[in-house]
Amino acid sequence: MTDLPPDRNTSDDSNPDTGVRRHRGPVAGAPRWVKVFGIIAVVLVLLFVISHLAGGGMGGHTP
């Protein structure tokens, strides 16, 4: 079996003639709005927990 020549673009995406890197396309991961809502949810949960630990509780709902 013959060996295939190495692919020029596997280790480096830069063009040797121009020195410009090619755009690789979209990055895998969660969209920005999902990250923003996640951060907001974490902050609200932390505020709720801190309020309860500080003795604030649920206000006047306890006898």
Protein backbone atom coordinates (compact mmCIF):
# COMPACT_ATOMS: atom_id res chain seq x y z
CA MET A 1 0.00 0.00 0.00
CA THR A 2 1.35 3.43 -0.86
CA ASP A 3 1.63 6.16 1.70
CA LEU A 4 -0.41 9.28 1.13
CA PRO A 5 1.41 12.61 1.16
CA PRO A 6 0.88 14.61 4.35
CA ASP A 7 -1.94 17.11 4.31
CA ARG A 8 -0.53 20.64 4.42
CA ASN A 9 -3.45 22.05 6.43
CA THR A 10 -3.65 19.54 9.27
CA SER A 11 -1.18 21.13 11.67
CA ASP A 12 -1.37 24.81 10.75
CA ASP A 13 -4.16 26.82 9.15
CA SER A 14 -1.94 29.71 8.15
CA ASN A 15 -1.23 30.35 4.52
CA PRO A 16 2.56 30.34 4.00
CA ASP A 17 2.25 32.82 1.13
CA THR A 18 0.25 35.51 2.96
CA GLY A 19 0.58 34.61 6.63
CA VAL A 20 -3.19 35.00 7.00
CA ARG A 21 -5.14 32.35 8.87
CA ARG A 22 -8.27 30.93 7.35
CA HIS A 23 -11.59 31.26 9.15
CA ARG A 24 -12.43 27.91 10.74
CA GLY A 25 -16.21 28.42 10.91
CA PRO A 26 -18.51 28.53 13.92
CA VAL A 27 -17.18 27.41 17.28
CA ALA A 28 -19.04 24.56 18.93
CA GLY A 29 -20.73 25.49 22.19
CA ALA A 30 -23.80 27.06 23.69
CA PRO A 31 -25.22 30.23 22.13
CA ARG A 32 -24.65 33.50 23.94
CA TRP A 33 -28.27 33.82 25.09
CA VAL A 34 -28.08 30.46 26.84
CA LYS A 35 -24.95 31.54 28.71
CA VAL A 36 -26.56 34.86 29.71
CA PHE A 37 -29.72 33.19 31.04
CA GLY A 38 -27.58 30.63 32.87
CA ILE A 39 -25.57 33.36 34.58
CA ILE A 40 -28.76 35.22 35.54
CA ALA A 41 -30.27 32.02 36.97
CA VAL A 42 -27.14 31.31 39.03
CA VAL A 43 -27.12 34.86 40.40
CA LEU A 44 -30.80 34.66 41.39
CA VAL A 45 -30.29 31.32 43.13
CA LEU A 46 -27.28 32.69 45.00
CA LEU A 47 -29.26 35.76 46.11
CA PHE A 48 -32.08 33.49 47.34
CA VAL A 49 -29.66 31.28 49.29
CA ILE A 50 -27.81 34.25 50.79
CA SER A 51 -31.13 35.83 51.81
CA HIS A 52 -32.19 32.66 53.63
CA LEU A 53 -28.81 32.20 55.31
CA ALA A 54 -28.84 35.82 56.47
CA GLY A 55 -32.17 35.29 58.22
CA GLY A 56 -34.37 37.04 55.69
CA GLY A 57 -36.26 33.88 54.87
CA MET A 58 -39.53 34.31 53.03
CA GLY A 59 -40.50 37.50 54.82
CA GLY A 60 -43.75 37.27 56.79
CA HIS A 61 -44.72 33.76 55.73
CA THR A 62 -43.59 32.09 58.95
CA PRO A 63 -45.83 32.03 62.09
